[in-house]
Structures are given as C-alpha cells and as structure tokens.
Amino acid sequence: MFDFAKLDKFINRFDARHAFYHRINDGAKILELGCGNGDNYRAIKLLHTDVEFYGVDILPPETVDKNINYQQNNLENTSLPFPDEVFDIILFIHVIEHLNNPIQLGKEINRVLKPQGLVYIEAPNWISMLIPSFGIQRNQHNPFNFFDDPSHVKPYTKQSLYEYLYQSCILKVKKIGTKRNLIKLPFDFIKLFYGILVRDRHKVISSVWNFSGWCIYGIGEKKSQTPSSV
C-alpha cells in the first residue's frame, strides 16, 4: 500500500505554515493562541528542540500536552495573561474564525509581542462557504463547507486578514496569501479518490482544501521602537 505519511512529510516542506516553522529561531519564545492539545507545538519541536512554548485555550489543562506552558483563558476576553513584549513568535491558527470579536485581541497580540516579533495567522478563506457539504463519513468530523463547523462565526478574505494584522494588531504586514501547496496538487487527485475509496474523510478534506484554496494566511511583524525626538 502507498505510504501517504512519507509523501505528506516531503510535501509539507512546501507548505506555508511549515515554511514559517522553519524560519523560527532556536531558543525562540512562542505563544499559540488556541493551542488545542498541542499539534502545532509537536510539529515545531520536530524542527526546534529548544524553543520555549506557551499556549492559551479554553480546554481543561489535563487535555493539553504537558510540555506546553499552558494557561486556560478565553480569547473572547480582552486581555492575555502575560507581561508586555515577551514573545518572539505568536501563532493564531484556525482560531480567529471562532471568535465573535477578535478586534481587542489584536491589541493584546501587539502588547505581548517583542519588537521585530512575528505573528502567523491562518483562517478559512471566504470561498470555503461555496464548497459543497459532502456527507463522507460525517462521524469523522472536519468541515468541507465553512458552516459544517457550528462554532464557526465568519470566514476571512485576504484583505480582511491584512486589515486585521495592520489595524487591529498594529503590525507591518509581511505577507498575505492563499495556503495552497502547489507541489501537493498533482497528488491531491490520487489522495482524493483513495480517500473516497477507503472512506477516509480527512484525506478527502485535505485534498479539497488544498486545490480549492480553502485557507488563507498572513504574517505580521511588530515594528521596532524608535526613540522619541527631543
């Protein structure tokens, strides 16, 4: 049987999120907003063993990877439980679309980020509302259509993601793009039909997300402080 795990590992080298992970400096202090049980933490630790990783989420602490410096915190609140300018990197991955009012959180992101620190944000593209809601193995969860996830509030456009980083987070926007791995595209159709054949919803969704451009991402940088003129 074809080893999709090895193929995925090779293809991930050309993925926007994993490319960002490679840019992280050893010894960096990282905060993930909505860290879940620690999937992104574990992906980063495979590349950088000495990073200091913090996470916030609403999950009970016992469900989160014990190696994450975790604090239970609702991101709908207006403050983060950290002092000013302590993080080199902030990850905000598939969380903003679940929030009713992320604007105030943008100011908090700026506050806890070091000068020249980077933010990586990822969210569903507006076109995710147009993808049909397929019924393949519903019990395996994960959305085809944006509204397949009842906790989703709204999708984003590249422009709205730009404005969030620029206006709400007060950052210099380094990059905005569609999270489409071009190297993966030729394999997506194979993976799609294989997923349908073996009734694996995750494989089908992975392919659909990539060739449809289901996700968008942005990278913002906090400007260095300049001394006040006398």
C-alpha atoms as a PDB file:
ATOM      1  CA  MET A   1       0.000   0.000   0.000  1.00  0.00           C
ATOM      2  CA  PHE A   2       1.240   3.513  -0.829  1.00  0.00           C
ATOM      3  CA  ASP A   3       2.831   5.284   2.165  1.00  0.00           C
ATOM      4  CA  PHE A   4       0.968   8.604   2.370  1.00  0.00           C
ATOM      5  CA  ALA A   5       2.755   9.515   5.616  1.00  0.00           C
ATOM      6  CA  LYS A   6       6.142   9.781   3.883  1.00  0.00           C
ATOM      7  CA  LEU A   7       4.620  11.669   0.976  1.00  0.00           C
ATOM      8  CA  ASP A   8       2.954  14.140   3.349  1.00  0.00           C
ATOM      9  CA  LYS A   9       6.247  14.711   5.179  1.00  0.00           C
ATOM     10  CA  PHE A  10       8.002  15.626   1.923  1.00  0.00           C
ATOM     11  CA  ILE A  11       5.164  17.800   0.640  1.00  0.00           C
ATOM     12  CA  ASN A  12       4.881  19.691   3.941  1.00  0.00           C
ATOM     13  CA  ARG A  13       8.247  21.283   3.210  1.00  0.00           C
ATOM     14  CA  PHE A  14       6.430  23.443   0.664  1.00  0.00           C
ATOM     15  CA  ASP A  15       3.508  24.315   2.939  1.00  0.00           C
ATOM     16  CA  ALA A  16       3.243  27.972   4.059  1.00  0.00           C
ATOM     17  CA  ARG A  17       2.742  27.108   7.720  1.00  0.00           C
ATOM     18  CA  HIS A  18       5.625  24.645   7.852  1.00  0.00           C
ATOM     19  CA  ALA A  19       7.833  27.078   5.920  1.00  0.00           C
ATOM     20  CA  PHE A  20       7.121  29.597   8.681  1.00  0.00           C
ATOM     21  CA  TYR A  21       8.035  26.996  11.316  1.00  0.00           C
ATOM     22  CA  HIS A  22      11.417  26.564   9.618  1.00  0.00           C
ATOM     23  CA  ARG A  23      12.027  30.313   9.972  1.00  0.00           C
ATOM     24  CA  ILE A  24      11.692  30.215  13.754  1.00  0.00           C
ATOM     25  CA  ASN A  25      14.999  30.765  15.523  1.00  0.00           C
ATOM     26  CA  ASP A  26      16.281  28.258  18.041  1.00  0.00           C
ATOM     27  CA  GLY A  27      15.582  29.446  21.564  1.00  0.00           C
ATOM     28  CA  ALA A  28      12.528  31.462  20.497  1.00  0.00           C
ATOM     29  CA  LYS A  29       9.728  32.140  22.954  1.00  0.00           C
ATOM     30  CA  ILE A  30       6.457  31.151  21.259  1.00  0.00           C
ATOM     31  CA  LEU A  31       2.820  31.765  22.185  1.00  0.00           C
ATOM     32  CA  GLU A  32      -0.003  29.899  20.488  1.00  0.00           C
ATOM     33  CA  LEU A  33      -3.467  31.407  20.821  1.00  0.00           C
ATOM     34  CA  GLY A  34      -5.880  28.490  20.839  1.00  0.00           C
ATOM     35  CA  CYS A  35      -3.200  25.832  21.170  1.00  0.00           C
ATOM     36  CA  GLY A  36      -5.588  22.863  21.312  1.00  0.00           C
ATOM     37  CA  ASN A  37      -3.974  19.693  22.609  1.00  0.00           C
ATOM     38  CA  GLY A  38      -0.595  20.637  21.089  1.00  0.00           C
ATOM     39  CA  ASP A  39      -0.430  19.600  17.411  1.00  0.00           C
ATOM     40  CA  ASN A  40       1.463  22.731  16.336  1.00  0.00           C
ATOM     41  CA  TYR A  41       3.751  22.525  19.351  1.00  0.00           C
ATOM     42  CA  ARG A  42       4.767  18.995  18.387  1.00  0.00           C
ATOM     43  CA  ALA A  43       5.324  19.969  14.742  1.00  0.00           C
ATOM     44  CA  ILE A  44       7.643  22.801  15.809  1.00  0.00           C
ATOM     45  CA  LYS A  45       9.541  20.638  18.319  1.00  0.00           C
ATOM     46  CA  LEU A  46      10.477  18.294  15.482  1.00  0.00           C
ATOM     47  CA  LEU A  47      12.372  21.229  13.946  1.00  0.00           C
ATOM     48  CA  HIS A  48      13.493  23.182  17.016  1.00  0.00           C
ATOM     49  CA  THR A  49      14.107  21.305  20.234  1.00  0.00           C
ATOM     50  CA  ASP A  50      14.958  24.280  22.455  1.00  0.00           C
ATOM     51  CA  VAL A  51      12.036  26.660  21.901  1.00  0.00           C
ATOM     52  CA  GLU A  52      10.017  27.860  24.898  1.00  0.00           C
ATOM     53  CA  PHE A  53       6.365  27.217  24.079  1.00  0.00           C
ATOM     54  CA  TYR A  54       3.325  28.808  25.742  1.00  0.00           C
ATOM     55  CA  GLY A  55      -0.312  28.211  24.964  1.00  0.00           C
ATOM     56  CA  VAL A  56      -3.746  29.524  25.871  1.00  0.00           C
ATOM     57  CA  ASP A  57      -7.098  27.887  25.198  1.00  0.00           C
ATOM     58  CA  ILE A  58     -10.394  27.128  26.913  1.00  0.00           C
ATOM     59  CA  LEU A  59      -9.567  23.414  27.149  1.00  0.00           C
ATOM     60  CA  PRO A  60      -9.085  21.735  30.547  1.00  0.00           C
ATOM     61  CA  PRO A  61      -5.340  21.632  31.372  1.00  0.00           C
ATOM     62  CA  GLU A  62      -5.255  17.834  31.537  1.00  0.00           C
ATOM     63  CA  THR A  63      -6.140  17.609  27.824  1.00  0.00           C
ATOM     64  CA  VAL A  64      -3.197  19.780  26.701  1.00  0.00           C
ATOM     65  CA  ASP A  65       0.337  18.499  26.052  1.00  0.00           C
ATOM     66  CA  LYS A  66       2.110  18.671  29.423  1.00  0.00           C
ATOM     67  CA  ASN A  67       5.221  20.205  27.814  1.00  0.00           C
ATOM     68  CA  ILE A  68       3.308  23.373  26.883  1.00  0.00           C
ATOM     69  CA  ASN A  69       3.372  26.228  29.394  1.00  0.00           C
ATOM     70  CA  TYR A  70      -0.406  26.330  29.390  1.00  0.00           C
ATOM     71  CA  GLN A  71      -2.920  28.787  30.802  1.00  0.00           C
ATOM     72  CA  GLN A  72      -6.653  28.335  30.483  1.00  0.00           C
ATOM     73  CA  ASN A  73      -8.008  31.576  29.065  1.00  0.00           C
ATOM     74  CA  ASN A  74     -10.994  32.600  26.959  1.00  0.00           C
ATOM     75  CA  LEU A  75      -9.773  34.593  23.952  1.00  0.00           C
ATOM     76  CA  GLU A  76     -13.092  36.414  23.835  1.00  0.00           C
ATOM     77  CA  ASN A  77     -11.785  38.236  26.912  1.00  0.00           C
ATOM     78  CA  THR A  78      -9.874  41.467  26.340  1.00  0.00           C
ATOM     79  CA  SER A  79      -6.541  40.559  27.952  1.00  0.00           C
ATOM     80  CA  LEU A  80      -3.830  37.910  27.727  1.00  0.00           C
ATOM     81  CA  PRO A  81      -2.217  36.674  30.977  1.00  0.00           C
ATOM     82  CA  PHE A  82       1.323  37.743  30.040  1.00  0.00           C
ATOM     83  CA  PRO A  83       3.510  40.843  30.546  1.00  0.00           C
ATOM     84  CA  ASP A  84       4.452  43.222  27.741  1.00  0.00           C
ATOM     85  CA  GLU A  85       6.808  42.268  24.901  1.00  0.00           C
ATOM     86  CA  VAL A  86       7.770  38.736  25.925  1.00  0.00           C
ATOM     87  CA  PHE A  87       7.177  36.615  22.793  1.00  0.00           C
ATOM     88  CA  ASP A  88       9.251  36.280  19.632  1.00  0.00           C
ATOM     89  CA  ILE A  89       6.513  34.390  17.778  1.00  0.00           C
ATOM     90  CA  ILE A  90       2.719  34.276  18.084  1.00  0.00           C
ATOM     91  CA  LEU A  91       0.694  31.595  16.306  1.00  0.00           C
ATOM     92  CA  PHE A  92      -3.011  32.206  15.658  1.00  0.00           C
ATOM     93  CA  ILE A  93      -4.074  29.212  13.592  1.00  0.00           C
ATOM     94  CA  HIS A  94      -7.719  28.458  12.784  1.00  0.00           C
ATOM     95  CA  VAL A  95      -8.999  30.282  15.836  1.00  0.00           C
ATOM     96  CA  ILE A  96      -9.992  33.773  14.693  1.00  0.00           C
ATOM     97  CA  GLU A  97     -12.968  32.399  12.730  1.00  0.00           C
ATOM     98  CA  HIS A  98     -14.416  31.085  16.010  1.00  0.00           C
ATOM     99  CA  LEU A  99     -14.310  34.482  17.770  1.00  0.00           C
ATOM    100  CA  ASN A 100     -17.181  36.953  17.877  1.00  0.00           C
ATOM    101  CA  ASN A 101     -14.981  39.982  18.487  1.00  0.00           C
ATOM    102  CA  PRO A 102     -11.247  39.493  17.781  1.00  0.00           C
ATOM    103  CA  ILE A 103     -10.517  43.233  17.455  1.00  0.00           C
ATOM    104  CA  GLN A 104      -9.500  43.824  21.080  1.00  0.00           C
ATOM    105  CA  LEU A 105      -7.385  40.678  20.990  1.00  0.00           C
ATOM    106  CA  GLY A 106      -5.350  42.302  18.214  1.00  0.00           C
ATOM    107  CA  LYS A 107      -4.188  44.990  20.631  1.00  0.00           C
ATOM    108  CA  GLU A 108      -3.188  42.307  23.117  1.00  0.00           C
ATOM    109  CA  ILE A 109      -1.225  40.489  20.421  1.00  0.00           C
ATOM    110  CA  ASN A 110       0.758  43.666  19.795  1.00  0.00           C
ATOM    111  CA  ARG A 111       1.294  44.216  23.515  1.00  0.00           C
ATOM    112  CA  VAL A 112       2.817  40.811  24.309  1.00  0.00           C
ATOM    113  CA  LEU A 113       4.885  40.592  21.095  1.00  0.00           C
ATOM    114  CA  LYS A 114       8.506  41.737  21.139  1.00  0.00           C
ATOM    115  CA  PRO A 115       9.671  44.407  18.678  1.00  0.00           C
ATOM    116  CA  GLN A 116      10.505  42.616  15.400  1.00  0.00           C
ATOM    117  CA  GLY A 117       8.493  39.628  16.636  1.00  0.00           C
ATOM    118  CA  LEU A 118       6.352  37.761  14.120  1.00  0.00           C
ATOM    119  CA  VAL A 119       2.718  36.667  14.043  1.00  0.00           C
ATOM    120  CA  TYR A 120       1.478  33.830  11.848  1.00  0.00           C
ATOM    121  CA  ILE A 121      -2.279  33.771  11.358  1.00  0.00           C
ATOM    122  CA  GLU A 122      -4.346  31.275   9.382  1.00  0.00           C
ATOM    123  CA  ALA A 123      -8.096  31.196   8.739  1.00  0.00           C
ATOM    124  CA  PRO A 124     -10.733  29.860   6.328  1.00  0.00           C
ATOM    125  CA  ASN A 125     -10.975  31.737   3.034  1.00  0.00           C
ATOM    126  CA  TRP A 126     -14.379  33.185   2.119  1.00  0.00           C
ATOM    127  CA  ILE A 127     -14.642  30.637  -0.714  1.00  0.00           C
ATOM    128  CA  SER A 128     -14.966  27.923   1.957  1.00  0.00           C
ATOM    129  CA  MET A 129     -18.645  28.968   2.073  1.00  0.00           C
ATOM    130  CA  LEU A 130     -19.037  27.771  -1.531  1.00  0.00           C
ATOM    131  CA  ILE A 131     -17.631  24.255  -1.100  1.00  0.00           C
ATOM    132  CA  PRO A 132     -20.437  21.634  -1.030  1.00  0.00           C
ATOM    133  CA  SER A 133     -21.042  19.929   2.294  1.00  0.00           C
ATOM    134  CA  PHE A 134     -20.217  16.342   1.375  1.00  0.00           C
ATOM    135  CA  GLY A 135     -21.553  13.523   3.542  1.00  0.00           C
ATOM    136  CA  ILE A 136     -18.472  11.293   3.517  1.00  0.00           C
ATOM    137  CA  GLN A 137     -18.117   9.672   6.956  1.00  0.00           C
ATOM    138  CA  ARG A 138     -19.685  12.534   8.918  1.00  0.00           C
ATOM    139  CA  ASN A 139     -18.702  10.773  12.146  1.00  0.00           C
ATOM    140  CA  GLN A 140     -15.027  11.554  11.307  1.00  0.00           C
ATOM    141  CA  HIS A 141     -15.855  15.284  11.598  1.00  0.00           C
ATOM    142  CA  ASN A 142     -13.913  18.200   9.994  1.00  0.00           C
ATOM    143  CA  PRO A 143     -15.608  20.648   7.606  1.00  0.00           C
ATOM    144  CA  PHE A 144     -15.946  20.697   3.831  1.00  0.00           C
ATOM    145  CA  ASN A 145     -18.182  23.769   3.854  1.00  0.00           C
ATOM    146  CA  PHE A 146     -17.354  26.601   6.278  1.00  0.00           C
ATOM    147  CA  PHE A 147     -20.648  26.133   8.097  1.00  0.00           C
ATOM    148  CA  ASP A 148     -20.081  22.415   8.635  1.00  0.00           C
ATOM    149  CA  ASP A 149     -18.465  23.541  11.900  1.00  0.00           C
ATOM    150  CA  PRO A 150     -21.232  25.033  14.065  1.00  0.00           C
ATOM    151  CA  SER A 151     -18.683  27.008  16.110  1.00  0.00           C
ATOM    152  CA  HIS A 152     -17.536  28.986  13.066  1.00  0.00           C
ATOM    153  CA  VAL A 153     -18.554  32.659  13.164  1.00  0.00           C
ATOM    154  CA  LYS A 154     -17.202  34.092   9.900  1.00  0.00           C
ATOM    155  CA  PRO A 155     -14.578  33.372   7.224  1.00  0.00           C
ATOM    156  CA  TYR A 156     -11.986  35.902   6.048  1.00  0.00           C
ATOM    157  CA  THR A 157     -10.728  37.394   2.813  1.00  0.00           C
ATOM    158  CA  LYS A 158      -7.075  38.152   2.195  1.00  0.00           C
ATOM    159  CA  GLN A 159      -7.931  41.829   2.527  1.00  0.00           C
ATOM    160  CA  SER A 160      -9.740  41.404   5.851  1.00  0.00           C
ATOM    161  CA  LEU A 161      -6.823  39.355   7.177  1.00  0.00           C
ATOM    162  CA  TYR A 162      -4.469  42.124   6.021  1.00  0.00           C
ATOM    163  CA  GLU A 163      -6.595  44.752   7.773  1.00  0.00           C
ATOM    164  CA  TYR A 164      -6.719  42.680  10.957  1.00  0.00           C
ATOM    165  CA  LEU A 165      -2.932  42.443  11.135  1.00  0.00           C
ATOM    166  CA  TYR A 166      -2.460  46.083  10.138  1.00  0.00           C
ATOM    167  CA  GLN A 167      -5.259  47.835  12.005  1.00  0.00           C
ATOM    168  CA  SER A 168      -6.143  45.594  14.939  1.00  0.00           C
ATOM    169  CA  CYS A 169      -2.687  44.137  15.711  1.00  0.00           C
ATOM    170  CA  ILE A 170      -0.839  47.296  14.581  1.00  0.00           C
ATOM    171  CA  LEU A 171       1.774  45.265  12.710  1.00  0.00           C
ATOM    172  CA  LYS A 172       3.716  45.586   9.499  1.00  0.00           C
ATOM    173  CA  VAL A 173       2.162  43.053   7.126  1.00  0.00           C
ATOM    174  CA  LYS A 174       4.946  40.936   5.643  1.00  0.00           C
ATOM    175  CA  LYS A 175       2.858  38.531   3.598  1.00  0.00           C
ATOM    176  CA  ILE A 176      -0.726  37.588   2.782  1.00  0.00           C
ATOM    177  CA  GLY A 177      -1.523  34.551   0.683  1.00  0.00           C
ATOM    178  CA  THR A 178      -3.672  31.565  -0.129  1.00  0.00           C
ATOM    179  CA  LYS A 179      -2.449  28.462   1.661  1.00  0.00           C
ATOM    180  CA  ARG A 180      -2.185  26.266  -1.407  1.00  0.00           C
ATOM    181  CA  ASN A 181       0.731  23.846  -1.663  1.00  0.00           C
ATOM    182  CA  LEU A 182       1.458  23.690  -5.410  1.00  0.00           C
ATOM    183  CA  ILE A 183       3.754  20.665  -5.044  1.00  0.00           C
ATOM    184  CA  LYS A 184       0.874  18.772  -3.471  1.00  0.00           C
ATOM    185  CA  LEU A 185      -1.652  19.468  -6.250  1.00  0.00           C
ATOM    186  CA  PRO A 186      -0.719  16.541  -8.566  1.00  0.00           C
ATOM    187  CA  PHE A 187      -1.073  14.137  -5.656  1.00  0.00           C
ATOM    188  CA  ASP A 188      -4.355  15.585  -4.421  1.00  0.00           C
ATOM    189  CA  PHE A 189      -6.478  13.834  -7.015  1.00  0.00           C
ATOM    190  CA  ILE A 190      -4.891  10.475  -6.152  1.00  0.00           C
ATOM    191  CA  LYS A 191      -5.394  11.150  -2.457  1.00  0.00           C
ATOM    192  CA  LEU A 192      -8.953  12.342  -3.087  1.00  0.00           C
ATOM    193  CA  PHE A 193     -10.061   9.179  -4.868  1.00  0.00           C
ATOM    194  CA  TYR A 194      -8.166   6.971  -2.429  1.00  0.00           C
ATOM    195  CA  GLY A 195      -9.872   8.737   0.473  1.00  0.00           C
ATOM    196  CA  ILE A 196     -13.277   8.194  -1.093  1.00  0.00           C
ATOM    197  CA  LEU A 197     -12.449   4.541  -1.723  1.00  0.00           C
ATOM    198  CA  VAL A 198     -11.385   3.817   1.870  1.00  0.00           C
ATOM    199  CA  ARG A 199     -13.977   6.221   3.371  1.00  0.00           C
ATOM    200  CA  ASP A 200     -11.344   8.468   4.973  1.00  0.00           C
ATOM    201  CA  ARG A 201     -12.878  11.926   5.375  1.00  0.00           C
ATOM    202  CA  HIS A 202      -9.586  13.515   6.462  1.00  0.00           C
ATOM    203  CA  LYS A 203      -7.760  12.544   3.252  1.00  0.00           C
ATOM    204  CA  VAL A 204     -10.616  13.843   1.106  1.00  0.00           C
ATOM    205  CA  ILE A 205     -10.817  17.123   3.008  1.00  0.00           C
ATOM    206  CA  SER A 206      -7.039  17.607   2.896  1.00  0.00           C
ATOM    207  CA  SER A 207      -7.144  17.399  -0.898  1.00  0.00           C
ATOM    208  CA  VAL A 208     -10.236  19.592  -1.294  1.00  0.00           C
ATOM    209  CA  TRP A 209      -8.809  22.251   1.000  1.00  0.00           C
ATOM    210  CA  ASN A 210      -5.575  22.438  -0.983  1.00  0.00           C
ATOM    211  CA  PHE A 211      -6.852  22.633  -4.541  1.00  0.00           C
ATOM    212  CA  SER A 212      -9.740  24.946  -3.610  1.00  0.00           C
ATOM    213  CA  GLY A 213      -7.585  27.381  -1.617  1.00  0.00           C
ATOM    214  CA  TRP A 214      -9.813  26.796   1.431  1.00  0.00           C
ATOM    215  CA  CYS A 215      -7.361  28.543   3.795  1.00  0.00           C
ATOM    216  CA  ILE A 216      -5.546  31.858   3.740  1.00  0.00           C
ATOM    217  CA  TYR A 217      -2.655  33.061   5.894  1.00  0.00           C
ATOM    218  CA  GLY A 218      -0.838  36.205   6.893  1.00  0.00           C
ATOM    219  CA  ILE A 219       2.449  37.112   8.548  1.00  0.00           C
ATOM    220  CA  GLY A 220       2.856  40.319  10.514  1.00  0.00           C
ATOM    221  CA  GLU A 221       5.876  41.887  12.191  1.00  0.00           C
ATOM    222  CA  LYS A 222       5.949  44.291  15.108  1.00  0.00           C
ATOM    223  CA  LYS A 223       7.893  47.385  14.212  1.00  0.00           C
ATOM    224  CA  SER A 224      10.994  48.226  16.203  1.00  0.00           C
ATOM    225  CA  GLN A 225      10.525  51.011  18.672  1.00  0.00           C
ATOM    226  CA  THR A 226      12.082  54.278  17.632  1.00  0.00           C
ATOM    227  CA  PRO A 227      13.376  56.735  20.230  1.00  0.00           C
ATOM    228  CA  SER A 228      11.255  59.823  20.758  1.00  0.00           C
ATOM    229  CA  SER A 229      12.624  63.038  19.317  1.00  0.00           C
ATOM    230  CA  VAL A 230      13.890  65.521  21.875  1.00  0.00           C
END
